[in-house]
Every structure is written in structure tokens, then in C-alpha cells.
């Protein structure tokens, strides 16, 4: 039997200022809505048109219950717009400058 090799994965690099800006918006919306930051984040992710599934990593029943509190309610359009704006990054090539637009339609941005 061959030994199993575990590969440690690290998240992709992200600018700290952008990360903090996004967390600040999450925190503000959590305060406005009476929800927790994880609930707001998961609710927003579930509304994203390009997200097909969300995996949660609850370590205990308390975290599981909190994460399940992300469903059964919706962020309003203004809150979603704030989160979208805070998370916006420059589109990758070839979208970044509109070049080849006729051959490369823009990424999906429609809301459900």
C-alpha cells in the first residue's frame, strides 16, 4: 500500500486593503440586518450568478446552526450592490480593456 501524501493548500494571494474593505462592508451590513458576518457572507455568495454551490466548514453544531442562518432571508439590492462594489477586481485579460468584446462576451453579471 502506498502512503498518502497530503498537500497543504494556501488561499490565493489577496491585497490586505481590499480584504479589510470587504470585511468592513460585511460587518456594517451584519449590524444593519441583525445577522452575523458569516451569515451575510454566505447569503451574498448564494446570490452570486457564477456560484453553483457553497461548501461550509462548520467544526461544531453552533457553527453549523449559524451558517444555516444564512438562508430564509435575503440581502436587499443596496446591500448586494455594496458587497459587489467592495469585492470588485479588475477583470482578467482580455476583458480588462474591452478588447475583442465581440469574441469574448463579458462575464455573467445578471442577478437572479
PDB file of N, CA and C in Angstrom:
ATOM      1  N   UNK A   1       0.829  -1.168   0.000  1.00  0.00           N
ATOM      2  CA  UNK A   1       0.000   0.000   0.000  1.00  0.00           C
ATOM      3  C   UNK A   1       0.882   1.244   0.000  1.00  0.00           C
ATOM      4  N   UNK A   2       0.554   2.196  -0.877  1.00  0.00           N
ATOM      5  CA  UNK A   2       1.340   3.417  -0.980  1.00  0.00           C
ATOM      6  C   UNK A   2       0.902   4.427   0.078  1.00  0.00           C
ATOM      7  N   UNK A   3       1.854   5.157   0.638  1.00  0.00           N
ATOM      8  CA  UNK A   3       1.471   6.164   1.636  1.00  0.00           C
ATOM      9  C   UNK A   3       0.723   7.318   0.967  1.00  0.00           C
ATOM     10  N   UNK A   4      -0.173   7.916   1.705  1.00  0.00           N
ATOM     11  CA  UNK A   4      -0.941   9.062   1.212  1.00  0.00           C
ATOM     12  C   UNK A   4      -0.152  10.324   1.513  1.00  0.00           C
ATOM     13  N   UNK A   5      -0.006  11.153   0.512  1.00  0.00           N
ATOM     14  CA  UNK A   5       0.682  12.423   0.689  1.00  0.00           C
ATOM     15  C   UNK A   5      -0.345  13.537   0.735  1.00  0.00           C
ATOM     16  N   UNK A   6      -0.336  14.295   1.801  1.00  0.00           N
ATOM     17  CA  UNK A   6      -1.242  15.423   1.922  1.00  0.00           C
ATOM     18  C   UNK A   6      -0.530  16.670   1.438  1.00  0.00           C
ATOM     19  N   UNK A   7      -1.216  17.431   0.630  1.00  0.00           N
ATOM     20  CA  UNK A   7      -0.657  18.665   0.098  1.00  0.00           C
ATOM     21  C   UNK A   7      -1.346  19.825   0.787  1.00  0.00           C
ATOM     22  N   UNK A   8      -0.575  20.654   1.428  1.00  0.00           N
ATOM     23  CA  UNK A   8      -1.148  21.822   2.090  1.00  0.00           C
ATOM     24  C   UNK A   8      -1.470  22.868   1.033  1.00  0.00           C
ATOM     25  N   UNK A   9      -2.687  23.332   1.051  1.00  0.00           N
ATOM     26  CA  UNK A   9      -3.121  24.354   0.102  1.00  0.00           C
ATOM     27  C   UNK A   9      -3.258  25.677   0.830  1.00  0.00           C
ATOM     28  N   UNK A  10      -2.785  26.698   0.209  1.00  0.00           N
ATOM     29  CA  UNK A  10      -2.966  28.023   0.781  1.00  0.00           C
ATOM     30  C   UNK A  10      -3.894  28.809  -0.142  1.00  0.00           C
ATOM     31  N   UNK A  11      -4.636  29.753   0.434  1.00  0.00           N
ATOM     32  CA  UNK A  11      -5.555  30.525  -0.402  1.00  0.00           C
ATOM     33  C   UNK A  11      -4.785  31.404  -1.373  1.00  0.00           C
ATOM     34  N   UNK A  12      -5.441  31.828  -2.439  1.00  0.00           N
ATOM     35  CA  UNK A  12      -4.756  32.723  -3.377  1.00  0.00           C
ATOM     36  C   UNK A  12      -4.418  34.042  -2.699  1.00  0.00           C
ATOM     37  N   UNK A  13      -3.363  34.684  -3.128  1.00  0.00           N
ATOM     38  CA  UNK A  13      -2.991  35.960  -2.504  1.00  0.00           C
ATOM     39  C   UNK A  13      -4.065  37.017  -2.752  1.00  0.00           C
ATOM     40  N   UNK A  14      -4.245  37.889  -1.791  1.00  0.00           N
ATOM     41  CA  UNK A  14      -5.224  38.962  -1.902  1.00  0.00           C
ATOM     42  C   UNK A  14      -4.643  40.199  -1.230  1.00  0.00           C
ATOM     43  N   UNK A  15      -4.928  41.357  -1.801  1.00  0.00           N
ATOM     44  CA  UNK A  15      -4.442  42.600  -1.213  1.00  0.00           C
ATOM     45  C   UNK A  15      -5.132  42.793   0.138  1.00  0.00           C
ATOM     46  N   UNK A  16      -4.346  43.046   1.167  1.00  0.00           N
ATOM     47  CA  UNK A  16      -4.920  43.187   2.504  1.00  0.00           C
ATOM     48  C   UNK A  16      -5.923  44.330   2.573  1.00  0.00           C
ATOM     49  N   UNK A  17      -5.625  45.445   1.934  1.00  0.00           N
ATOM     50  CA  UNK A  17      -6.544  46.585   1.984  1.00  0.00           C
ATOM     51  C   UNK A  17      -7.898  46.223   1.384  1.00  0.00           C
ATOM     52  N   UNK A  18      -7.884  45.498   0.272  1.00  0.00           N
ATOM     53  CA  UNK A  18      -9.133  45.059  -0.357  1.00  0.00           C
ATOM     54  C   UNK A  18      -9.885  44.102   0.566  1.00  0.00           C
ATOM     55  N   UNK A  19      -9.172  43.185   1.189  1.00  0.00           N
ATOM     56  CA  UNK A  19      -9.784  42.238   2.112  1.00  0.00           C
ATOM     57  C   UNK A  19     -10.440  42.976   3.283  1.00  0.00           C
ATOM     58  N   UNK A  20      -9.722  43.907   3.903  1.00  0.00           N
ATOM     59  CA  UNK A  20     -10.267  44.649   5.032  1.00  0.00           C
ATOM     60  C   UNK A  20     -11.455  45.502   4.615  1.00  0.00           C
ATOM     61  N   UNK A  21     -11.398  46.095   3.434  1.00  0.00           N
ATOM     62  CA  UNK A  21     -12.515  46.895   2.927  1.00  0.00           C
ATOM     63  C   UNK A  21     -13.765  46.035   2.796  1.00  0.00           C
ATOM     64  N   UNK A  22     -13.601  44.817   2.272  1.00  0.00           N
ATOM     65  CA  UNK A  22     -14.728  43.918   2.104  1.00  0.00           C
ATOM     66  C   UNK A  22     -15.281  43.467   3.458  1.00  0.00           C
ATOM     67  N   UNK A  23     -14.397  43.138   4.387  1.00  0.00           N
ATOM     68  CA  UNK A  23     -14.833  42.706   5.725  1.00  0.00           C
ATOM     69  C   UNK A  23     -15.545  43.858   6.439  1.00  0.00           C
ATOM     70  N   UNK A  24     -15.091  45.084   6.245  1.00  0.00           N
ATOM     71  CA  UNK A  24     -15.769  46.237   6.844  1.00  0.00           C
ATOM     72  C   UNK A  24     -17.199  46.360   6.324  1.00  0.00           C
ATOM     73  N   UNK A  25     -17.393  46.141   5.030  1.00  0.00           N
ATOM     74  CA  UNK A  25     -18.741  46.194   4.457  1.00  0.00           C
ATOM     75  C   UNK A  25     -19.582  45.039   4.997  1.00  0.00           C
ATOM     76  N   UNK A  26     -19.008  43.841   5.065  1.00  0.00           N
ATOM     77  CA  UNK A  26     -19.728  42.705   5.652  1.00  0.00           C
ATOM     78  C   UNK A  26     -20.167  43.022   7.081  1.00  0.00           C
ATOM     79  N   UNK A  27     -19.266  43.588   7.860  1.00  0.00           N
ATOM     80  CA  UNK A  27     -19.553  43.907   9.255  1.00  0.00           C
ATOM     81  C   UNK A  27     -20.655  44.959   9.366  1.00  0.00           C
ATOM     82  N   UNK A  28     -20.607  45.973   8.523  1.00  0.00           N
ATOM     83  CA  UNK A  28     -21.633  47.019   8.547  1.00  0.00           C
ATOM     84  C   UNK A  28     -23.006  46.450   8.194  1.00  0.00           C
ATOM     85  N   UNK A  29     -23.058  45.612   7.176  1.00  0.00           N
ATOM     86  CA  UNK A  29     -24.328  45.021   6.758  1.00  0.00           C
ATOM     87  C   UNK A  29     -24.840  44.051   7.820  1.00  0.00           C
ATOM     88  N   UNK A  30     -23.949  43.331   8.472  1.00  0.00           N
ATOM     89  CA  UNK A  30     -24.357  42.436   9.563  1.00  0.00           C
ATOM     90  C   UNK A  30     -25.014  43.251  10.675  1.00  0.00           C
ATOM     91  N   UNK A  31     -24.438  44.386  11.006  1.00  0.00           N
ATOM     92  CA  UNK A  31     -25.017  45.246  12.037  1.00  0.00           C
ATOM     93  C   UNK A  31     -26.381  45.784  11.643  1.00  0.00           C
ATOM     94  N   UNK A  32     -26.527  46.164  10.373  1.00  0.00           N
ATOM     95  CA  UNK A  32     -27.807  46.692   9.878  1.00  0.00           C
ATOM     96  C   UNK A  32     -28.904  45.635   9.873  1.00  0.00           C
ATOM     97  N   UNK A  33     -28.530  44.411   9.535  1.00  0.00           N
ATOM     98  CA  UNK A  33     -29.524  43.360   9.317  1.00  0.00           C
ATOM     99  C   UNK A  33     -29.772  42.481  10.547  1.00  0.00           C
ATOM    100  N   UNK A  34     -28.945  42.623  11.572  1.00  0.00           N
ATOM    101  CA  UNK A  34     -29.095  41.773  12.745  1.00  0.00           C
ATOM    102  C   UNK A  34     -28.598  40.350  12.513  1.00  0.00           C
ATOM    103  N   UNK A  35     -27.819  40.165  11.473  1.00  0.00           N
ATOM    104  CA  UNK A  35     -27.243  38.855  11.154  1.00  0.00           C
ATOM    105  C   UNK A  35     -25.755  38.879  11.502  1.00  0.00           C
ATOM    106  N   UNK A  36     -25.116  37.723  11.445  1.00  0.00           N
ATOM    107  CA  UNK A  36     -23.678  37.659  11.697  1.00  0.00           C
ATOM    108  C   UNK A  36     -22.921  37.858  10.387  1.00  0.00           C
ATOM    109  N   UNK A  37     -21.636  38.161  10.504  1.00  0.00           N
ATOM    110  CA  UNK A  37     -20.800  38.327   9.313  1.00  0.00           C
ATOM    111  C   UNK A  37     -20.811  37.057   8.460  1.00  0.00           C
ATOM    112  N   UNK A  38     -20.635  35.850   9.039  1.00  0.00           N
ATOM    113  CA  UNK A  38     -20.700  34.651   8.202  1.00  0.00           C
ATOM    114  C   UNK A  38     -22.050  34.478   7.499  1.00  0.00           C
ATOM    115  N   UNK A  39     -23.140  34.821   8.175  1.00  0.00           N
ATOM    116  CA  UNK A  39     -24.460  34.702   7.556  1.00  0.00           C
ATOM    117  C   UNK A  39     -24.598  35.649   6.373  1.00  0.00           C
ATOM    118  N   UNK A  40     -24.125  36.864   6.522  1.00  0.00           N
ATOM    119  CA  UNK A  40     -24.183  37.831   5.430  1.00  0.00           C
ATOM    120  C   UNK A  40     -23.322  37.357   4.264  1.00  0.00           C
ATOM    121  N   UNK A  41     -22.112  36.900   4.558  1.00  0.00           N
ATOM    122  CA  UNK A  41     -21.207  36.434   3.502  1.00  0.00           C
ATOM    123  C   UNK A  41     -21.802  35.250   2.744  1.00  0.00           C
ATOM    124  N   UNK A  42     -22.340  34.284   3.470  1.00  0.00           N
ATOM    125  CA  UNK A  42     -22.922  33.113   2.810  1.00  0.00           C
ATOM    126  C   UNK A  42     -24.162  33.486   2.013  1.00  0.00           C
ATOM    127  N   UNK A  43     -25.006  34.370   2.547  1.00  0.00           N
ATOM    128  CA  UNK A  43     -26.206  34.792   1.829  1.00  0.00           C
ATOM    129  C   UNK A  43     -25.823  35.484   0.529  1.00  0.00           C
ATOM    130  N   UNK A  44     -24.788  36.332   0.587  1.00  0.00           N
ATOM    131  CA  UNK A  44     -24.326  37.027  -0.617  1.00  0.00           C
ATOM    132  C   UNK A  44     -23.778  36.031  -1.636  1.00  0.00           C
ATOM    133  N   UNK A  45     -22.975  35.077  -1.172  1.00  0.00           N
ATOM    134  CA  UNK A  45     -22.428  34.072  -2.087  1.00  0.00           C
ATOM    135  C   UNK A  45     -23.523  33.263  -2.767  1.00  0.00           C
ATOM    136  N   UNK A  46     -24.555  32.910  -2.024  1.00  0.00           N
ATOM    137  CA  UNK A  46     -25.643  32.119  -2.595  1.00  0.00           C
ATOM    138  C   UNK A  46     -26.397  32.872  -3.690  1.00  0.00           C
ATOM    139  N   UNK A  47     -26.315  34.196  -3.695  1.00  0.00           N
ATOM    140  CA  UNK A  47     -26.983  35.011  -4.716  1.00  0.00           C
ATOM    141  C   UNK A  47     -26.118  35.258  -5.949  1.00  0.00           C
ATOM    142  N   UNK A  48     -24.848  34.944  -5.871  1.00  0.00           N
ATOM    143  CA  UNK A  48     -23.940  35.224  -6.992  1.00  0.00           C
ATOM    144  C   UNK A  48     -24.289  34.319  -8.168  1.00  0.00           C
ATOM    145  N   UNK A  49     -24.446  34.870  -9.372  1.00  0.00           N
ATOM    146  CA  UNK A  49     -24.838  34.056 -10.522  1.00  0.00           C
ATOM    147  C   UNK A  49     -23.781  33.047 -10.955  1.00  0.00           C
ATOM    148  N   UNK A  50     -22.531  33.279 -10.613  1.00  0.00           N
ATOM    149  CA  UNK A  50     -21.478  32.359 -11.033  1.00  0.00           C
ATOM    150  C   UNK A  50     -21.119  31.341  -9.961  1.00  0.00           C
ATOM    151  N   UNK A  51     -21.818  31.354  -8.828  1.00  0.00           N
ATOM    152  CA  UNK A  51     -21.556  30.397  -7.755  1.00  0.00           C
ATOM    153  C   UNK A  51     -22.592  29.292  -7.839  1.00  0.00           C
ATOM    154  N   UNK A  52     -22.131  28.074  -8.064  1.00  0.00           N
ATOM    155  CA  UNK A  52     -23.064  26.955  -8.205  1.00  0.00           C
ATOM    156  C   UNK A  52     -23.312  26.234  -6.885  1.00  0.00           C
ATOM    157  N   UNK A  53     -22.381  26.330  -5.953  1.00  0.00           N
ATOM    158  CA  UNK A  53     -22.574  25.705  -4.645  1.00  0.00           C
ATOM    159  C   UNK A  53     -21.650  26.380  -3.632  1.00  0.00           C
ATOM    160  N   UNK A  54     -22.040  26.284  -2.387  1.00  0.00           N
ATOM    161  CA  UNK A  54     -21.244  26.850  -1.305  1.00  0.00           C
ATOM    162  C   UNK A  54     -20.988  25.735  -0.298  1.00  0.00           C
ATOM    163  N   UNK A  55     -19.733  25.504   0.003  1.00  0.00           N
ATOM    164  CA  UNK A  55     -19.364  24.495   0.997  1.00  0.00           C
ATOM    165  C   UNK A  55     -19.040  25.197   2.305  1.00  0.00           C
ATOM    166  N   UNK A  56     -19.654  24.744   3.375  1.00  0.00           N
ATOM    167  CA  UNK A  56     -19.373  25.348   4.671  1.00  0.00           C
ATOM    168  C   UNK A  56     -18.484  24.402   5.471  1.00  0.00           C
ATOM    169  N   UNK A  57     -17.671  24.966   6.316  1.00  0.00           N
ATOM    170  CA  UNK A  57     -16.735  24.160   7.098  1.00  0.00           C
ATOM    171  C   UNK A  57     -16.991  24.288   8.583  1.00  0.00           C
ATOM    172  N   UNK A  58     -18.203  23.999   9.004  1.00  0.00           N
ATOM    173  CA  UNK A  58     -18.536  24.097  10.420  1.00  0.00           C
ATOM    174  C   UNK A  58     -17.803  23.022  11.214  1.00  0.00           C
ATOM    175  N   UNK A  59     -17.198  23.441  12.320  1.00  0.00           N
ATOM    176  CA  UNK A  59     -16.475  22.491  13.173  1.00  0.00           C
ATOM    177  C   UNK A  59     -17.329  21.937  14.297  1.00  0.00           C
ATOM    178  N   UNK A  60     -18.461  22.589  14.536  1.00  0.00           N
ATOM    179  CA  UNK A  60     -19.330  22.119  15.622  1.00  0.00           C
ATOM    180  C   UNK A  60     -20.771  22.520  15.324  1.00  0.00           C
ATOM    181  N   UNK A  61     -21.667  22.103  16.183  1.00  0.00           N
ATOM    182  CA  UNK A  61     -23.092  22.361  15.955  1.00  0.00           C
ATOM    183  C   UNK A  61     -23.416  23.849  15.984  1.00  0.00           C
ATOM    184  N   UNK A  62     -22.763  24.599  16.843  1.00  0.00           N
ATOM    185  CA  UNK A  62     -23.013  26.042  16.928  1.00  0.00           C
ATOM    186  C   UNK A  62     -22.687  26.713  15.594  1.00  0.00           C
ATOM    187  N   UNK A  63     -21.525  26.392  15.025  1.00  0.00           N
ATOM    188  CA  UNK A  63     -21.148  26.974  13.734  1.00  0.00           C
ATOM    189  C   UNK A  63     -22.093  26.522  12.631  1.00  0.00           C
ATOM    190  N   UNK A  64     -22.501  25.264  12.662  1.00  0.00           N
ATOM    191  CA  UNK A  64     -23.436  24.761  11.660  1.00  0.00           C
ATOM    192  C   UNK A  64     -24.755  25.527  11.731  1.00  0.00           C
ATOM    193  N   UNK A  65     -25.278  25.692  12.914  1.00  0.00           N
ATOM    194  CA  UNK A  65     -26.540  26.426  13.073  1.00  0.00           C
ATOM    195  C   UNK A  65     -26.396  27.878  12.608  1.00  0.00           C
ATOM    196  N   UNK A  66     -25.263  28.492  12.938  1.00  0.00           N
ATOM    197  CA  UNK A  66     -25.038  29.871  12.495  1.00  0.00           C
ATOM    198  C   UNK A  66     -24.994  29.937  10.973  1.00  0.00           C
ATOM    199  N   UNK A  67     -24.277  29.025  10.349  1.00  0.00           N
ATOM    200  CA  UNK A  67     -24.187  29.019   8.886  1.00  0.00           C
ATOM    201  C   UNK A  67     -25.542  28.760   8.242  1.00  0.00           C
ATOM    202  N   UNK A  68     -26.347  27.889   8.841  1.00  0.00           N
ATOM    203  CA  UNK A  68     -27.676  27.617   8.295  1.00  0.00           C
ATOM    204  C   UNK A  68     -28.578  28.841   8.401  1.00  0.00           C
ATOM    205  N   UNK A  69     -28.249  29.775   9.290  1.00  0.00           N
ATOM    206  CA  UNK A  69     -28.988  31.030   9.405  1.00  0.00           C
ATOM    207  C   UNK A  69     -28.773  31.964   8.229  1.00  0.00           C
ATOM    208  N   UNK A  70     -27.967  31.555   7.263  1.00  0.00           N
ATOM    209  CA  UNK A  70     -27.725  32.373   6.064  1.00  0.00           C
ATOM    210  C   UNK A  70     -28.849  32.233   5.049  1.00  0.00           C
ATOM    211  N   UNK A  71     -29.749  31.284   5.261  1.00  0.00           N
ATOM    212  CA  UNK A  71     -30.869  31.082   4.323  1.00  0.00           C
ATOM    213  C   UNK A  71     -32.177  31.475   5.002  1.00  0.00           C
ATOM    214  N   UNK A  72     -33.208  31.675   4.180  1.00  0.00           N
ATOM    215  CA  UNK A  72     -34.512  32.049   4.701  1.00  0.00           C
ATOM    216  C   UNK A  72     -34.730  33.549   4.763  1.00  0.00           C
ATOM    217  N   UNK A  73     -33.789  34.322   4.283  1.00  0.00           N
ATOM    218  CA  UNK A  73     -33.881  35.777   4.218  1.00  0.00           C
ATOM    219  C   UNK A  73     -32.986  36.235   3.077  1.00  0.00           C
ATOM    220  N   UNK A  74     -33.109  37.487   2.669  1.00  0.00           N
ATOM    221  CA  UNK A  74     -32.275  37.992   1.580  1.00  0.00           C
ATOM    222  C   UNK A  74     -31.740  39.376   1.885  1.00  0.00           C
ATOM    223  N   UNK A  75     -30.548  39.594   1.446  1.00  0.00           N
ATOM    224  CA  UNK A  75     -29.977  40.936   1.469  1.00  0.00           C
ATOM    225  C   UNK A  75     -30.779  41.793   0.500  1.00  0.00           C
ATOM    226  N   UNK A  76     -30.908  43.091   0.804  1.00  0.00           N
ATOM    227  CA  UNK A  76     -31.607  43.941  -0.159  1.00  0.00           C
ATOM    228  C   UNK A  76     -30.648  44.329  -1.286  1.00  0.00           C
ATOM    229  N   UNK A  77     -31.201  44.895  -2.341  1.00  0.00           N
ATOM    230  CA  UNK A  77     -30.396  45.207  -3.528  1.00  0.00           C
ATOM    231  C   UNK A  77     -29.262  46.180  -3.222  1.00  0.00           C
ATOM    232  N   UNK A  78     -29.500  47.138  -2.325  1.00  0.00           N
ATOM    233  CA  UNK A  78     -28.460  48.108  -1.979  1.00  0.00           C
ATOM    234  C   UNK A  78     -27.311  47.425  -1.240  1.00  0.00           C
ATOM    235  N   UNK A  79     -27.621  46.493  -0.359  1.00  0.00           N
ATOM    236  CA  UNK A  79     -26.579  45.764   0.364  1.00  0.00           C
ATOM    237  C   UNK A  79     -25.765  44.892  -0.588  1.00  0.00           C
ATOM    238  N   UNK A  80     -26.439  44.224  -1.507  1.00  0.00           N
ATOM    239  CA  UNK A  80     -25.742  43.402  -2.503  1.00  0.00           C
ATOM    240  C   UNK A  80     -24.828  44.277  -3.345  1.00  0.00           C
ATOM    241  N   UNK A  81     -25.320  45.452  -3.743  1.00  0.00           N
ATOM    242  CA  UNK A  81     -24.504  46.366  -4.555  1.00  0.00           C
ATOM    243  C   UNK A  81     -23.258  46.797  -3.786  1.00  0.00           C
ATOM    244  N   UNK A  82     -23.394  47.065  -2.493  1.00  0.00           N
ATOM    245  CA  UNK A  82     -22.232  47.449  -1.677  1.00  0.00           C
ATOM    246  C   UNK A  82     -21.210  46.321  -1.599  1.00  0.00           C
ATOM    247  N   UNK A  83     -21.687  45.096  -1.416  1.00  0.00           N
ATOM    248  CA  UNK A  83     -20.772  43.950  -1.368  1.00  0.00           C
ATOM    249  C   UNK A  83     -20.124  43.708  -2.726  1.00  0.00           C
ATOM    250  N   UNK A  84     -20.912  43.834  -3.785  1.00  0.00           N
ATOM    251  CA  UNK A  84     -20.356  43.678  -5.134  1.00  0.00           C
ATOM    252  C   UNK A  84     -19.266  44.705  -5.398  1.00  0.00           C
ATOM    253  N   UNK A  85     -19.530  45.952  -5.011  1.00  0.00           N
ATOM    254  CA  UNK A  85     -18.548  47.013  -5.236  1.00  0.00           C
ATOM    255  C   UNK A  85     -17.271  46.778  -4.426  1.00  0.00           C
ATOM    256  N   UNK A  86     -17.434  46.365  -3.176  1.00  0.00           N
ATOM    257  CA  UNK A  86     -16.267  46.134  -2.311  1.00  0.00           C
ATOM    258  C   UNK A  86     -15.429  44.952  -2.782  1.00  0.00           C
ATOM    259  N   UNK A  87     -16.047  44.027  -3.508  1.00  0.00           N
ATOM    260  CA  UNK A  87     -15.321  42.829  -3.941  1.00  0.00           C
ATOM    261  C   UNK A  87     -14.844  42.904  -5.389  1.00  0.00           C
ATOM    262  N   UNK A  88     -15.148  43.999  -6.058  1.00  0.00           N
ATOM    263  CA  UNK A  88     -14.791  44.129  -7.463  1.00  0.00           C
ATOM    264  C   UNK A  88     -13.279  44.160  -7.666  1.00  0.00           C
ATOM    265  N   UNK A  89     -12.830  43.419  -8.648  1.00  0.00           N
ATOM    266  CA  UNK A  89     -11.420  43.434  -9.040  1.00  0.00           C
ATOM    267  C   UNK A  89     -11.351  43.728 -10.531  1.00  0.00           C
ATOM    268  N   UNK A  90     -10.176  44.109 -10.990  1.00  0.00           N
ATOM    269  CA  UNK A  90     -10.008  44.343 -12.412  1.00  0.00           C
ATOM    270  C   UNK A  90     -10.227  43.021 -13.148  1.00  0.00           C
ATOM    271  N   UNK A  91     -11.077  43.031 -14.172  1.00  0.00           N
ATOM    272  CA  UNK A  91     -11.307  41.784 -14.916  1.00  0.00           C
ATOM    273  C   UNK A  91     -10.011  41.284 -15.557  1.00  0.00           C
ATOM    274  N   UNK A  92      -9.882  39.973 -15.703  1.00  0.00           N
ATOM    275  CA  UNK A  92      -8.677  39.421 -16.329  1.00  0.00           C
ATOM    276  C   UNK A  92      -8.648  39.702 -17.830  1.00  0.00           C
ATOM    277  N   UNK A  93      -7.472  39.569 -18.396  1.00  0.00           N
ATOM    278  CA  UNK A  93      -7.328  39.692 -19.839  1.00  0.00           C
ATOM    279  C   UNK A  93      -8.188  38.624 -20.505  1.00  0.00           C
ATOM    280  N   UNK A  94      -8.881  38.879 -21.563  1.00  0.00           N
ATOM    281  CA  UNK A  94      -8.926  40.074 -22.391  1.00  0.00           C
ATOM    282  C   UNK A  94     -10.036  41.030 -22.015  1.00  0.00           C
ATOM    283  N   UNK A  95     -10.719  40.821 -20.896  1.00  0.00           N
ATOM    284  CA  UNK A  95     -11.835  41.679 -20.520  1.00  0.00           C
ATOM    285  C   UNK A  95     -11.406  43.044 -20.005  1.00  0.00           C
ATOM    286  N   UNK A  96     -10.191  43.160 -19.512  1.00  0.00           N
ATOM    287  CA  UNK A  96      -9.768  44.367 -18.814  1.00  0.00           C
ATOM    288  C   UNK A  96      -9.846  45.633 -19.634  1.00  0.00           C
ATOM    289  N   UNK A  97      -9.710  45.554 -20.930  1.00  0.00           N
ATOM    290  CA  UNK A  97      -9.759  46.787 -21.716  1.00  0.00           C
ATOM    291  C   UNK A  97     -10.834  46.765 -22.799  1.00  0.00           C
ATOM    292  N   UNK A  98     -11.709  45.782 -22.757  1.00  0.00           N
ATOM    293  CA  UNK A  98     -12.784  45.722 -23.739  1.00  0.00           C
ATOM    294  C   UNK A  98     -12.342  45.190 -25.088  1.00  0.00           C
ATOM    295  N   UNK A  99     -11.079  44.827 -25.195  1.00  0.00           N
ATOM    296  CA  UNK A  99     -10.551  44.321 -26.451  1.00  0.00           C
ATOM    297  C   UNK A  99     -11.207  42.988 -26.788  1.00  0.00           C
ATOM    298  N   UNK A 100     -11.507  42.776 -28.028  1.00  0.00           N
ATOM    299  CA  UNK A 100     -12.099  41.535 -28.532  1.00  0.00           C
ATOM    300  C   UNK A 100     -13.481  41.272 -27.921  1.00  0.00           C
ATOM    301  N   UNK A 101     -14.209  42.329 -27.603  1.00  0.00           N
ATOM    302  CA  UNK A 101     -15.517  42.178 -26.959  1.00  0.00           C
ATOM    303  C   UNK A 101     -16.472  41.352 -27.805  1.00  0.00           C
ATOM    304  N   UNK A 102     -16.364  41.482 -29.121  1.00  0.00           N
ATOM    305  CA  UNK A 102     -17.274  40.722 -29.980  1.00  0.00           C
ATOM    306  C   UNK A 102     -16.995  39.225 -29.930  1.00  0.00           C
ATOM    307  N   UNK A 103     -15.781  38.837 -29.591  1.00  0.00           N
ATOM    308  CA  UNK A 103     -15.429  37.414 -29.497  1.00  0.00           C
ATOM    309  C   UNK A 103     -15.424  36.889 -28.067  1.00  0.00           C
ATOM    310  N   UNK A 104     -15.373  37.793 -27.124  1.00  0.00           N
ATOM    311  CA  UNK A 104     -15.353  37.419 -25.708  1.00  0.00           C
ATOM    312  C   UNK A 104     -16.447  38.188 -24.976  1.00  0.00           C
ATOM    313  N   UNK A 105     -17.635  37.628 -24.918  1.00  0.00           N
ATOM    314  CA  UNK A 105     -18.697  38.351 -24.213  1.00  0.00           C
ATOM    315  C   UNK A 105     -18.309  38.569 -22.763  1.00  0.00           C
ATOM    316  N   UNK A 106     -18.851  39.618 -22.153  1.00  0.00           N
ATOM    317  CA  UNK A 106     -18.481  39.897 -20.758  1.00  0.00           C
ATOM    318  C   UNK A 106     -18.936  38.782 -19.830  1.00  0.00           C
ATOM    319  N   UNK A 107     -18.280  38.666 -18.679  1.00  0.00           N
ATOM    320  CA  UNK A 107     -18.695  37.656 -17.707  1.00  0.00           C
ATOM    321  C   UNK A 107     -20.136  37.901 -17.278  1.00  0.00           C
ATOM    322  N   UNK A 108     -20.800  36.872 -16.819  1.00  0.00           N
ATOM    323  CA  UNK A 108     -22.177  36.984 -16.377  1.00  0.00           C
ATOM    324  C   UNK A 108     -22.250  37.876 -15.143  1.00  0.00           C
ATOM    325  N   UNK A 109     -23.121  38.872 -15.193  1.00  0.00           N
ATOM    326  CA  UNK A 109     -23.292  39.743 -14.049  1.00  0.00           C
ATOM    327  C   UNK A 109     -24.762  39.901 -13.662  1.00  0.00           C
ATOM    328  N   UNK A 110     -25.653  39.226 -14.361  1.00  0.00           N
ATOM    329  CA  UNK A 110     -27.082  39.346 -14.072  1.00  0.00           C
ATOM    330  C   UNK A 110     -27.401  38.799 -12.683  1.00  0.00           C
ATOM    331  N   UNK A 111     -28.335  39.439 -12.035  1.00  0.00           N
ATOM    332  CA  UNK A 111     -28.771  38.970 -10.722  1.00  0.00           C
ATOM    333  C   UNK A 111     -29.973  38.055 -10.900  1.00  0.00           C
ATOM    334  N   UNK A 112     -30.078  37.066 -10.054  1.00  0.00           N
ATOM    335  CA  UNK A 112     -31.218  36.154 -10.097  1.00  0.00           C
ATOM    336  C   UNK A 112     -32.393  36.737  -9.360  1.00  0.00           C
TER     337      UNK A 112
END
